[in-house]
Amino acid sequence: MRELEVIGVRIEMPSNQPLVLLREVEGDRFLPIWIGAVEASAIAYAQQGEATPRPLTHELLQRVIESLGEQLTLVQIDDVADGVFYATLVFSSGATVSARPSDSIALALRMGTRIEAAESVLDEAGMHLPADADEEVQKFREFLDEIEPEDFA
């Protein structure tokens, strides 16, 4: 397993499909995962640290987990098959729950949980970006500074 950091979410053109972009912490591969608009908004809210007047689904789940005395210790993106990604939530009690990566990432960002991907997932779906990738990532981060979660609706 390789640790990932969330670069952010964006709308991929021309399909208008949101994606979340992750990057290896110790490596040079990026992992793009196409997600739904609701999950894109949830990830964007979490990255921006924005509070909502009423808890969104991922905030509610966080509160339930904490109320039960659990901790989300790890999010694993552990498989990809036919372009569909699969993740597992790992809890302090040892319990595991299968989940969509988009929901898992939104929850991990709220709970400060480490995100990892299986080497096989990165081998199959990871991308090596060219040497000027850091410039592109910077442009992407600037884009994120300007976009609001509501833009994904």
C-alpha atoms as a PDB file:
ATOM      1  CA  MET A   1       0.000   0.000   0.000  1.00  0.00           C
ATOM      2  CA  ARG A   2       1.131   3.519  -0.841  1.00  0.00           C
ATOM      3  CA  GLU A   3       0.037   6.665   1.004  1.00  0.00           C
ATOM      4  CA  LEU A   4      -1.833   9.246  -1.067  1.00  0.00           C
ATOM      5  CA  GLU A   5      -2.647  12.909  -0.609  1.00  0.00           C
ATOM      6  CA  VAL A   6      -5.752  14.543  -2.000  1.00  0.00           C
ATOM      7  CA  ILE A   7      -4.833  17.244  -4.503  1.00  0.00           C
ATOM      8  CA  GLY A   8      -8.469  18.236  -5.016  1.00  0.00           C
ATOM      9  CA  VAL A   9     -11.541  17.952  -7.184  1.00  0.00           C
ATOM     10  CA  ARG A  10     -12.252  19.425 -10.584  1.00  0.00           C
ATOM     11  CA  ILE A  11     -14.613  19.171 -13.506  1.00  0.00           C
ATOM     12  CA  GLU A  12     -13.129  17.246 -16.417  1.00  0.00           C
ATOM     13  CA  MET A  13     -13.948  18.779 -19.766  1.00  0.00           C
ATOM     14  CA  PRO A  14     -15.652  18.177 -22.156  1.00  0.00           C
ATOM     15  CA  SER A  15     -17.637  15.535 -20.237  1.00  0.00           C
ATOM     16  CA  ASN A  16     -18.421  17.841 -17.274  1.00  0.00           C
ATOM     17  CA  GLN A  17     -17.663  14.855 -15.027  1.00  0.00           C
ATOM     18  CA  PRO A  18     -16.120  15.627 -11.597  1.00  0.00           C
ATOM     19  CA  LEU A  19     -12.947  13.840 -10.575  1.00  0.00           C
ATOM     20  CA  VAL A  20     -10.808  13.706  -7.486  1.00  0.00           C
ATOM     21  CA  LEU A  21      -7.064  13.745  -8.035  1.00  0.00           C
ATOM     22  CA  LEU A  22      -4.765  11.993  -5.585  1.00  0.00           C
ATOM     23  CA  ARG A  23      -0.967  11.855  -5.587  1.00  0.00           C
ATOM     24  CA  GLU A  24       1.511   9.456  -4.040  1.00  0.00           C
ATOM     25  CA  VAL A  25       3.153  11.009  -0.987  1.00  0.00           C
ATOM     26  CA  GLU A  26       6.430   9.259  -1.771  1.00  0.00           C
ATOM     27  CA  GLY A  27       6.320   8.772  -5.511  1.00  0.00           C
ATOM     28  CA  ASP A  28       5.414  10.426  -8.748  1.00  0.00           C
ATOM     29  CA  ARG A  29       2.117   8.809  -9.675  1.00  0.00           C
ATOM     30  CA  PHE A  30      -1.248  10.530  -9.688  1.00  0.00           C
ATOM     31  CA  LEU A  31      -4.538   8.695  -9.311  1.00  0.00           C
ATOM     32  CA  PRO A  32      -7.600  10.293 -10.926  1.00  0.00           C
ATOM     33  CA  ILE A  33     -10.964   8.886  -9.865  1.00  0.00           C
ATOM     34  CA  TRP A  34     -14.168  10.029 -11.532  1.00  0.00           C
ATOM     35  CA  ILE A  35     -16.845  10.735  -8.930  1.00  0.00           C
ATOM     36  CA  GLY A  36     -20.356  12.122  -8.607  1.00  0.00           C
ATOM     37  CA  ALA A  37     -21.220  15.786  -8.143  1.00  0.00           C
ATOM     38  CA  VAL A  38     -22.469  15.283  -4.573  1.00  0.00           C
ATOM     39  CA  GLU A  39     -19.233  13.586  -3.537  1.00  0.00           C
ATOM     40  CA  ALA A  40     -17.190  16.276  -5.327  1.00  0.00           C
ATOM     41  CA  SER A  41     -18.996  18.913  -3.271  1.00  0.00           C
ATOM     42  CA  ALA A  42     -18.433  16.945  -0.064  1.00  0.00           C
ATOM     43  CA  ILE A  43     -14.709  16.629  -0.764  1.00  0.00           C
ATOM     44  CA  ALA A  44     -14.432  20.317  -1.682  1.00  0.00           C
ATOM     45  CA  TYR A  45     -16.258  21.350   1.515  1.00  0.00           C
ATOM     46  CA  ALA A  46     -13.934  19.159   3.592  1.00  0.00           C
ATOM     47  CA  GLN A  47     -10.792  20.506   1.908  1.00  0.00           C
ATOM     48  CA  GLN A  48     -11.923  24.079   2.438  1.00  0.00           C
ATOM     49  CA  GLY A  49     -12.855  23.379   6.041  1.00  0.00           C
ATOM     50  CA  GLU A  50     -16.322  24.839   5.491  1.00  0.00           C
ATOM     51  CA  ALA A  51     -18.959  24.144   8.088  1.00  0.00           C
ATOM     52  CA  THR A  52     -22.516  23.532   6.987  1.00  0.00           C
ATOM     53  CA  PRO A  53     -25.552  24.643   8.982  1.00  0.00           C
ATOM     54  CA  ARG A  54     -26.824  21.058   9.121  1.00  0.00           C
ATOM     55  CA  PRO A  55     -24.599  17.979   8.820  1.00  0.00           C
ATOM     56  CA  LEU A  56     -24.125  16.593   5.337  1.00  0.00           C
ATOM     57  CA  THR A  57     -24.077  12.815   4.943  1.00  0.00           C
ATOM     58  CA  HIS A  58     -20.320  12.501   5.473  1.00  0.00           C
ATOM     59  CA  GLU A  59     -20.441  14.795   8.504  1.00  0.00           C
ATOM     60  CA  LEU A  60     -23.297  12.748   9.909  1.00  0.00           C
ATOM     61  CA  LEU A  61     -21.338   9.529   9.413  1.00  0.00           C
ATOM     62  CA  GLN A  62     -18.333  11.108  11.134  1.00  0.00           C
ATOM     63  CA  ARG A  63     -20.516  12.017  14.124  1.00  0.00           C
ATOM     64  CA  VAL A  64     -21.972   8.502  14.281  1.00  0.00           C
ATOM     65  CA  ILE A  65     -18.513   6.924  14.189  1.00  0.00           C
ATOM     66  CA  GLU A  66     -17.243   9.227  16.932  1.00  0.00           C
ATOM     67  CA  SER A  67     -20.399   8.739  19.048  1.00  0.00           C
ATOM     68  CA  LEU A  68     -19.842   4.985  18.932  1.00  0.00           C
ATOM     69  CA  GLY A  69     -16.315   5.463  20.272  1.00  0.00           C
ATOM     70  CA  GLU A  70     -14.706   4.351  17.023  1.00  0.00           C
ATOM     71  CA  GLN A  71     -11.909   5.891  15.018  1.00  0.00           C
ATOM     72  CA  LEU A  72     -11.437   5.637  11.287  1.00  0.00           C
ATOM     73  CA  THR A  73      -7.783   4.621  11.171  1.00  0.00           C
ATOM     74  CA  LEU A  74      -7.284   4.047   7.447  1.00  0.00           C
ATOM     75  CA  VAL A  75      -8.942   4.355   4.064  1.00  0.00           C
ATOM     76  CA  GLN A  76      -7.667   1.836   1.543  1.00  0.00           C
ATOM     77  CA  ILE A  77      -8.344   2.094  -2.182  1.00  0.00           C
ATOM     78  CA  ASP A  78      -7.770  -1.568  -2.710  1.00  0.00           C
ATOM     79  CA  ASP A  79      -9.099  -2.540  -6.124  1.00  0.00           C
ATOM     80  CA  VAL A  80     -10.094  -1.319  -9.560  1.00  0.00           C
ATOM     81  CA  ALA A  81     -12.030  -3.473 -12.022  1.00  0.00           C
ATOM     82  CA  ASP A  82     -13.395  -2.287 -15.355  1.00  0.00           C
ATOM     83  CA  GLY A  83     -12.749   1.316 -14.354  1.00  0.00           C
ATOM     84  CA  VAL A  84     -14.658   0.987 -11.057  1.00  0.00           C
ATOM     85  CA  PHE A  85     -12.656   1.680  -7.893  1.00  0.00           C
ATOM     86  CA  TYR A  86     -13.266  -0.048  -4.563  1.00  0.00           C
ATOM     87  CA  ALA A  87     -12.269   1.088  -1.085  1.00  0.00           C
ATOM     88  CA  THR A  88     -12.298  -0.205   2.457  1.00  0.00           C
ATOM     89  CA  LEU A  89     -12.789   1.763   5.666  1.00  0.00           C
ATOM     90  CA  VAL A  90     -10.633   0.372   8.495  1.00  0.00           C
ATOM     91  CA  PHE A  91     -11.676   1.148  12.075  1.00  0.00           C
ATOM     92  CA  SER A  92      -9.757   1.089  15.358  1.00  0.00           C
ATOM     93  CA  SER A  93     -11.788  -1.910  16.523  1.00  0.00           C
ATOM     94  CA  GLY A  94     -10.550  -3.907  13.534  1.00  0.00           C
ATOM     95  CA  ALA A  95     -13.890  -3.686  11.744  1.00  0.00           C
ATOM     96  CA  THR A  96     -13.781  -3.037   8.015  1.00  0.00           C
ATOM     97  CA  VAL A  97     -16.487  -1.714   5.705  1.00  0.00           C
ATOM     98  CA  SER A  98     -16.509  -1.759   1.921  1.00  0.00           C
ATOM     99  CA  ALA A  99     -17.190   1.713   0.507  1.00  0.00           C
ATOM    100  CA  ARG A 100     -16.924   3.866  -2.574  1.00  0.00           C
ATOM    101  CA  PRO A 101     -13.614   5.720  -2.745  1.00  0.00           C
ATOM    102  CA  SER A 102     -15.371   9.081  -3.144  1.00  0.00           C
ATOM    103  CA  ASP A 103     -17.303   8.632   0.121  1.00  0.00           C
ATOM    104  CA  SER A 104     -14.210   7.231   1.805  1.00  0.00           C
ATOM    105  CA  ILE A 105     -12.096  10.224   0.769  1.00  0.00           C
ATOM    106  CA  ALA A 106     -14.754  12.716   1.926  1.00  0.00           C
ATOM    107  CA  LEU A 107     -14.890  10.972   5.297  1.00  0.00           C
ATOM    108  CA  ALA A 108     -11.098  10.658   5.591  1.00  0.00           C
ATOM    109  CA  LEU A 109     -10.631  14.383   5.004  1.00  0.00           C
ATOM    110  CA  ARG A 110     -13.107  15.192   7.782  1.00  0.00           C
ATOM    111  CA  MET A 111     -11.528  12.754  10.216  1.00  0.00           C
ATOM    112  CA  GLY A 112      -7.863  13.371   9.390  1.00  0.00           C
ATOM    113  CA  THR A 113      -7.427   9.772   8.285  1.00  0.00           C
ATOM    114  CA  ARG A 114      -4.605   8.407   6.155  1.00  0.00           C
ATOM    115  CA  ILE A 115      -5.515   7.330   2.601  1.00  0.00           C
ATOM    116  CA  GLU A 116      -3.637   4.514   0.887  1.00  0.00           C
ATOM    117  CA  ALA A 117      -3.887   2.741  -2.443  1.00  0.00           C
ATOM    118  CA  ALA A 118      -2.815  -0.760  -3.323  1.00  0.00           C
ATOM    119  CA  GLU A 119       0.224  -0.954  -5.550  1.00  0.00           C
ATOM    120  CA  SER A 120      -1.875  -2.894  -8.073  1.00  0.00           C
ATOM    121  CA  VAL A 121      -4.380  -0.003  -8.265  1.00  0.00           C
ATOM    122  CA  LEU A 122      -1.604   2.506  -8.885  1.00  0.00           C
ATOM    123  CA  ASP A 123      -0.032   0.198 -11.465  1.00  0.00           C
ATOM    124  CA  GLU A 124      -3.316  -0.095 -13.353  1.00  0.00           C
ATOM    125  CA  ALA A 125      -4.860   3.363 -12.979  1.00  0.00           C
ATOM    126  CA  GLY A 126      -2.038   5.617 -11.797  1.00  0.00           C
ATOM    127  CA  MET A 127      -0.511   8.151 -14.137  1.00  0.00           C
ATOM    128  CA  HIS A 128       3.031   9.423 -14.387  1.00  0.00           C
ATOM    129  CA  LEU A 129       2.845  13.067 -15.284  1.00  0.00           C
ATOM    130  CA  PRO A 130       5.600  14.835 -17.227  1.00  0.00           C
ATOM    131  CA  ALA A 131       8.373  16.841 -15.612  1.00  0.00           C
ATOM    132  CA  ASP A 132       6.275  20.017 -15.702  1.00  0.00           C
ATOM    133  CA  ALA A 133       3.561  18.296 -13.660  1.00  0.00           C
ATOM    134  CA  ASP A 134       4.331  20.408 -10.605  1.00  0.00           C
ATOM    135  CA  GLU A 135       3.370  23.491 -12.600  1.00  0.00           C
ATOM    136  CA  GLU A 136       0.118  21.799 -13.652  1.00  0.00           C
ATOM    137  CA  VAL A 137      -0.594  20.775 -10.053  1.00  0.00           C
ATOM    138  CA  GLN A 138      -0.034  24.380  -8.977  1.00  0.00           C
ATOM    139  CA  LYS A 139      -2.509  25.572 -11.624  1.00  0.00           C
ATOM    140  CA  PHE A 140      -4.944  22.938 -10.383  1.00  0.00           C
ATOM    141  CA  ARG A 141      -4.561  24.162  -6.797  1.00  0.00           C
ATOM    142  CA  GLU A 142      -5.151  27.749  -7.948  1.00  0.00           C
ATOM    143  CA  PHE A 143      -8.309  26.531  -9.673  1.00  0.00           C
ATOM    144  CA  LEU A 144      -9.389  24.941  -6.382  1.00  0.00           C
ATOM    145  CA  ASP A 145      -8.920  28.232  -4.573  1.00  0.00           C
ATOM    146  CA  GLU A 146     -11.467  29.824  -6.901  1.00  0.00           C
ATOM    147  CA  ILE A 147     -14.119  27.105  -7.048  1.00  0.00           C
ATOM    148  CA  GLU A 148     -16.943  26.700  -4.566  1.00  0.00           C
ATOM    149  CA  PRO A 149     -18.537  23.371  -3.594  1.00  0.00           C
ATOM    150  CA  GLU A 150     -21.848  24.627  -4.993  1.00  0.00           C
ATOM    151  CA  ASP A 151     -20.221  24.708  -8.450  1.00  0.00           C
ATOM    152  CA  PHE A 152     -20.498  20.905  -8.553  1.00  0.00           C
ATOM    153  CA  ALA A 153     -24.280  20.892  -8.220  1.00  0.00           C
END
